[in-house]
Protein backbone atom coordinates (compact mmCIF):
# COMPACT_ATOMS: atom_id res chain seq x y z
CA MET A 1 -57.36 12.13 5.90
CA ASP A 2 -59.67 14.51 5.03
CA GLY A 3 -61.36 17.36 7.16
CA THR A 4 -64.52 17.08 4.42
CA GLU A 5 -65.63 13.66 5.85
CA ARG A 6 -67.34 13.94 9.22
CA LYS A 7 -66.31 10.27 9.91
CA ASN A 8 -63.06 11.31 10.42
CA ILE A 9 -63.23 13.87 12.88
CA LYS A 10 -64.00 13.17 16.61
CA PRO A 11 -63.96 15.26 19.71
CA GLY A 12 -60.60 15.19 21.39
CA ILE A 13 -58.26 15.20 18.06
CA GLU A 14 -56.12 18.17 17.07
CA VAL A 15 -57.10 20.06 13.76
CA ALA A 16 -56.10 22.97 12.14
CA ILE A 17 -59.28 24.88 11.10
CA VAL A 18 -59.82 28.26 9.04
CA LEU A 19 -61.71 30.89 11.03
CA LYS A 20 -64.57 32.86 9.12
CA GLU A 21 -62.77 36.02 9.11
CA ASP A 22 -59.66 33.89 7.89
CA GLN A 23 -61.27 32.44 4.85
CA ARG A 24 -59.53 35.36 2.25
CA THR A 25 -55.97 34.57 3.65
CA GLY A 26 -56.40 31.06 4.05
CA HIS A 27 -54.37 31.63 7.90
CA LEU A 28 -55.01 28.12 9.88
CA THR A 29 -55.61 27.88 13.61
CA GLU A 30 -54.81 24.65 15.54
CA GLY A 31 -56.45 23.15 18.46
CA VAL A 32 -58.56 20.32 19.74
CA VAL A 33 -61.91 19.23 18.53
CA LYS A 34 -64.70 20.22 21.42
CA ASP A 35 -67.83 19.82 19.35
CA LEU A 36 -68.75 18.83 15.79
CA LEU A 37 -71.22 21.53 14.66
CA THR A 38 -71.88 19.97 10.88
CA LYS A 39 -74.69 17.56 10.92
CA SER A 40 -74.08 16.48 7.50
CA SER A 41 -71.63 13.60 6.84
CA HIS A 42 -69.94 15.54 4.11
CA HIS A 43 -69.16 19.32 3.36
CA PRO A 44 -67.25 20.59 0.38
CA HIS A 45 -65.43 23.14 2.60
CA GLY A 46 -64.82 21.21 5.59
CA ILE A 47 -66.66 19.85 8.61
CA LYS A 48 -67.64 23.01 10.81
CA VAL A 49 -66.22 22.44 14.35
CA ARG A 50 -65.54 24.50 17.86
CA LEU A 51 -61.98 23.74 19.29
CA GLU A 52 -61.51 23.81 22.96
CA ASP A 53 -60.53 27.63 23.02
CA GLY A 54 -64.28 28.22 21.81
CA SER A 55 -62.94 29.23 18.06
CA VAL A 56 -65.62 27.95 15.50
CA GLY A 57 -64.45 27.21 11.83
CA ARG A 58 -63.96 24.28 9.10
CA VAL A 59 -61.33 21.83 9.38
CA LYS A 60 -58.80 21.93 6.91
CA LYS A 61 -56.39 19.44 8.14
CA LEU A 62 -55.88 16.66 10.74
CA LEU A 63 -52.91 16.99 12.75
């Protein structure tokens, strides 16, 4: 599954995101989706989400 399509991401699923400050290194942060922040159905860099711990980033992988 793909992190660039909004339909694949729902609150409660586990994902790996890249935080804004980690975009250069590509370091991924894992967590559970709390909110979807991207309104469009597709985003080429990944749908932006907020995790339950408050981290915000773009989805790179669904776990």
